N, C-alpha and C. Protein backbone atom coordinates (compact mmCIF):
# COMPACT_ATOMS: atom_id res chain seq x y z
N MET A 1 0.85 -1.49 -0.44
CA MET A 1 -0.14 0.04 0.08
C MET A 1 0.69 1.67 -0.07
N ASN A 2 0.51 2.15 -0.73
CA ASN A 2 1.92 3.69 -0.80
C ASN A 2 0.61 4.53 -0.11
N ASP A 3 1.39 5.42 -0.33
CA ASP A 3 1.38 6.38 0.83
C ASP A 3 0.01 7.76 0.87
N GLN A 4 -0.10 7.63 -0.76
CA GLN A 4 -1.70 7.85 -0.45
C GLN A 4 -2.78 7.34 0.21
N GLU A 5 -2.97 6.29 -0.62
CA GLU A 5 -3.81 5.03 0.18
C GLU A 5 -3.86 4.75 0.84
N GLN A 6 -3.22 4.38 1.42
CA GLN A 6 -1.86 4.54 3.78
C GLN A 6 -3.81 6.00 4.24
N LEU A 7 -2.80 7.18 3.81
CA LEU A 7 -3.38 8.13 4.24
C LEU A 7 -5.45 7.97 3.49
N MET A 8 -5.55 7.57 2.13
CA MET A 8 -7.67 7.26 2.34
C MET A 8 -7.73 6.13 3.86
N ASP A 9 -7.22 5.37 3.82
CA ASP A 9 -7.37 4.52 4.16
C ASP A 9 -7.80 5.18 5.57
N ASN A 10 -6.20 5.57 5.93
CA ASN A 10 -6.27 6.32 7.71
C ASN A 10 -7.74 7.55 7.67
N LEU A 11 -7.93 7.93 6.58
CA LEU A 11 -8.96 9.53 6.94
C LEU A 11 -10.75 8.66 7.20
N LEU A 12 -10.65 7.29 6.24
CA LEU A 12 -12.45 6.54 6.48
C LEU A 12 -11.71 6.02 7.70
N ASN A 13 -10.91 5.47 8.36
CA ASN A 13 -11.25 5.28 9.92
C ASN A 13 -11.39 6.38 10.59
N VAL A 14 -10.90 7.44 10.23
CA VAL A 14 -11.44 8.76 11.42
C VAL A 14 -12.66 9.54 11.02
N ASP A 15 -13.29 9.02 9.32
CA ASP A 15 -14.40 9.87 9.24
C ASP A 15 -15.37 8.64 9.92
N LEU A 16 -15.30 7.01 10.28
CA LEU A 16 -15.91 6.48 10.66
C LEU A 16 -16.04 7.09 12.29
N GLU A 17 -14.50 6.77 13.26
CA GLU A 17 -15.36 7.35 13.96
C GLU A 17 -15.39 8.51 14.77
N ILE A 18 -15.30 9.45 13.71
CA ILE A 18 -16.56 11.16 14.07
C ILE A 18 -17.93 10.12 13.80
N ILE A 19 -18.15 9.88 13.02
CA ILE A 19 -19.63 9.27 12.83
C ILE A 19 -20.07 8.49 14.06
N ASP A 20 -18.96 7.82 15.05
CA ASP A 20 -19.37 7.85 16.38
C ASP A 20 -19.67 7.79 16.91
N VAL A 21 -18.84 9.38 16.83
CA VAL A 21 -19.05 10.03 18.15
C VAL A 21 -20.42 10.92 18.22
N VAL A 22 -20.44 11.67 17.18
CA VAL A 22 -21.40 12.34 16.67
C VAL A 22 -23.16 11.30 16.65
N ARG A 23 -23.40 10.22 16.21
CA ARG A 23 -23.46 9.41 16.86
C ARG A 23 -24.42 9.43 18.45
N GLU A 24 -23.36 9.13 18.40
CA GLU A 24 -23.16 8.94 20.74
C GLU A 24 -23.89 10.22 21.32
N LEU A 25 -23.40 12.09 19.99
CA LEU A 25 -23.99 12.85 21.03
C LEU A 25 -25.61 12.94 20.65
N HIS A 26 -26.11 12.46 19.30
CA HIS A 26 -27.32 12.88 18.73
C HIS A 26 -28.47 11.33 20.00
N GLN A 27 -27.58 10.78 20.43
CA GLN A 27 -28.44 9.80 21.06
C GLN A 27 -28.32 9.83 22.69
N GLY A 28 -28.99 10.91 22.79
CA GLY A 28 -28.85 11.97 23.98
C GLY A 28 -28.01 12.99 24.35
N HIS A 29 -26.81 12.53 24.54
CA HIS A 29 -25.03 13.09 25.06
C HIS A 29 -25.02 14.75 24.53
N TRP A 30 -26.00 15.89 24.16
CA TRP A 30 -25.69 16.79 23.50
C TRP A 30 -24.58 17.72 24.42
N ASP A 31 -24.80 17.64 25.51
CA ASP A 31 -24.38 18.35 26.46
C ASP A 31 -22.90 17.68 27.50
N SER A 32 -22.20 16.30 26.69
CA SER A 32 -21.20 15.82 27.03
C SER A 32 -20.00 17.27 26.09
N GLN A 33 -19.17 17.75 26.90
CA GLN A 33 -18.28 18.19 26.68
C GLN A 33 -16.98 17.50 26.09
N SER A 34 -16.86 16.00 27.20
CA SER A 34 -15.53 15.53 26.27
C SER A 34 -16.27 15.04 25.00
N LEU A 35 -17.94 14.55 24.90
CA LEU A 35 -16.86 14.39 23.02
C LEU A 35 -17.32 15.11 22.36
N LYS A 36 -17.66 16.54 22.53
CA LYS A 36 -17.51 18.00 22.03
C LYS A 36 -15.88 18.17 21.67
N GLU A 37 -15.41 17.61 22.72
CA GLU A 37 -13.52 17.72 22.01
C GLU A 37 -13.29 17.36 21.40
N GLN A 38 -14.00 15.21 21.53
CA GLN A 38 -13.48 14.50 20.34
C GLN A 38 -13.69 14.81 19.44
N VAL A 39 -14.79 15.27 19.17
CA VAL A 39 -15.44 15.50 17.61
C VAL A 39 -14.09 16.31 16.48
N GLY A 40 -14.18 17.39 17.68
CA GLY A 40 -13.19 18.83 17.32
C GLY A 40 -11.50 18.50 17.49
N ASP A 41 -11.71 17.04 17.96
CA ASP A 41 -9.76 16.44 17.94
C ASP A 41 -10.20 15.46 16.32
N LEU A 42 -10.80 14.95 16.04
CA LEU A 42 -10.70 14.53 15.47
C LEU A 42 -11.09 14.86 13.81
N LEU A 43 -12.00 15.94 13.67
CA LEU A 43 -11.83 16.58 12.90
C LEU A 43 -10.74 17.52 12.43
N LYS A 44 -10.27 17.88 13.33
CA LYS A 44 -8.18 18.58 12.85
C LYS A 44 -8.62 17.40 12.30
N ILE A 45 -8.18 16.45 13.04
CA ILE A 45 -6.85 15.41 12.34
C ILE A 45 -7.24 14.93 11.12
N ARG A 46 -8.55 14.93 10.07
CA ARG A 46 -9.03 15.02 9.61
C ARG A 46 -8.51 15.64 8.81
N ASP A 47 -8.33 17.16 9.01
CA ASP A 47 -8.13 18.13 7.77
C ASP A 47 -6.94 18.54 7.55
N GLU A 48 -5.52 17.84 8.22
CA GLU A 48 -4.68 17.74 8.32
C GLU A 48 -4.44 16.37 7.61
N MET A 49 -5.06 15.53 7.57
CA MET A 49 -4.71 13.80 6.79
C MET A 49 -5.25 14.83 5.20
N VAL A 50 -6.24 15.67 4.95
CA VAL A 50 -7.14 15.68 4.04
C VAL A 50 -5.81 16.74 2.92
N GLN A 51 -5.05 17.71 4.36
CA GLN A 51 -4.17 18.65 3.46
C GLN A 51 -3.25 17.50 2.98
N LYS A 52 -2.58 17.28 4.22
CA LYS A 52 -1.04 15.82 3.45
C LYS A 52 -1.29 14.95 2.55
N LEU A 53 -2.90 14.42 2.00
CA LEU A 53 -2.98 14.19 0.77
C LEU A 53 -3.00 14.92 -0.36
N MET A 54 -3.71 15.85 -0.39
CA MET A 54 -4.07 17.18 -1.51
C MET A 54 -2.23 16.90 -2.15
N SER A 55 -0.98 17.45 -1.02
CA SER A 55 -0.15 17.79 -1.27
C SER A 55 0.47 16.64 -1.72
N LEU A 56 0.11 15.22 -1.45
CA LEU A 56 0.82 14.29 -1.90
C LEU A 56 0.54 14.04 -3.78
N LYS A 57 -0.19 14.55 -4.41
CA LYS A 57 -1.68 14.51 -5.07
C LYS A 57 -0.65 16.22 -6.00
N GLY A 58 0.08 16.80 -5.30
CA GLY A 58 0.48 17.83 -5.88
C GLY A 58 -0.78 18.95 -6.61
N ASP A 59 -0.43 19.38 -7.49
CA ASP A 59 -1.51 20.38 -7.93
C ASP A 59 -2.54 19.37 -8.82
N ASN A 60 -2.71 18.37 -8.75
CA ASN A 60 -3.26 17.64 -9.30
C ASN A 60 -4.85 17.30 -9.55
N HIS A 61 -5.81 18.24 -8.97
CA HIS A 61 -6.95 18.20 -8.41
C HIS A 61 -7.91 16.87 -9.10
N SER A 62 -7.45 16.11 -9.69
CA SER A 62 -8.31 15.12 -11.22
C SER A 62 -8.00 13.51 -10.56
N CYS A 63 -9.15 12.88 -10.42
CA CYS A 63 -8.63 11.56 -9.38
C CYS A 63 -9.42 10.78 -10.89
N ASP A 64 -9.13 11.28 -12.28
CA ASP A 64 -9.84 10.37 -12.77
C ASP A 64 -10.97 9.71 -12.96
N CYS A 65 -11.67 10.66 -12.74
CA CYS A 65 -13.08 10.48 -12.72
C CYS A 65 -13.95 11.44 -13.74
N GLY A 66 -13.44 12.32 -14.13
CA GLY A 66 -14.13 13.58 -15.12
C GLY A 66 -13.88 14.95 -14.24
N HIS A 67 -13.69 14.90 -12.92
CA HIS A 67 -14.34 16.03 -12.45
C HIS A 67 -13.28 17.04 -11.58
N ASP A 68 -13.16 17.71 -12.01
CA ASP A 68 -12.95 18.32 -10.92
C ASP A 68 -13.12 18.98 -9.41
N HIS A 69 -12.13 18.06 -8.85
CA HIS A 69 -12.41 18.47 -7.57
C HIS A 69 -11.11 19.96 -6.18
N ALA A 70 -10.76 20.68 -7.06
CA ALA A 70 -9.91 21.54 -6.75
C ALA A 70 -11.37 22.62 -5.85
N HIS A 71 -10.28 22.60 -4.34
CA HIS A 71 -11.25 23.15 -3.13
C HIS A 71 -10.79 25.07 -3.55
N GLU A 72 -12.28 25.45 -3.44
CA GLU A 72 -11.68 27.07 -3.60
C GLU A 72 -12.18 28.05 -2.48
């Protein structure tokens, strides 16, 4: 598995963890400061992973699907 594939795999795992924590918040723990902080931390980690993945891809925003995925 190359670096991009590893990062994408890690990104998926972080996304799944974010979903689990948000589900727990949704199930009635809206006032849980620790869960809110956990979501914030996970989102920060996710953003860093996305930036690293984009830097590995360089300026090429194409995933060969025919769409431009550039973020403006």
